[in-house]
């Protein structure tokens, strides 16, 4: 479970809802699968996984949630947030910034998809190709979580900063 999908600085820049969303995304499970494996009622489970809902899992359920998710995003986030906050630059989500963020993210998504297609052209995929694609997808998810963070900040009425 010790895969460092996100750097400490990236985790430090997140609030709990975004860290939970990132942990869910990196799990490879759908929200429905997470809710089912946790034994949550669907109406509660979707609220627990929603980045803008002020509704949280109980502390006793967190270890089981981390096992279900299969990653250490939440425990690492908690450990990092328990330390002194790191001073990280804030970025305002202007239309130009959003366009740039989405353009970069979608461009990288296309690159990863093309690499995956090339890897499968011969009908086989080697272990090295799998590792390389996994790293590329992890990088892509990290970028996506950063973009999601900007959108959540904007949606939640976050304070404005200049890029």
Foldseek 3Di string as FASTA:
>chain_A
DEDCLDDLLLLLPDDVLLLLLLLQVQLVDDLVQLCVQLVHDVVLSVLQNHSPHPHHDDPVSVVVSCVSSVYCSVVSSVVSNVDPRDDDDDAADDVVNLVVLVVVLVVLVVVLVVLVCVQCVVVDHDPVSVVVSVSSVSVSSSSVSVSVRNVSCVVVVHDHDHD
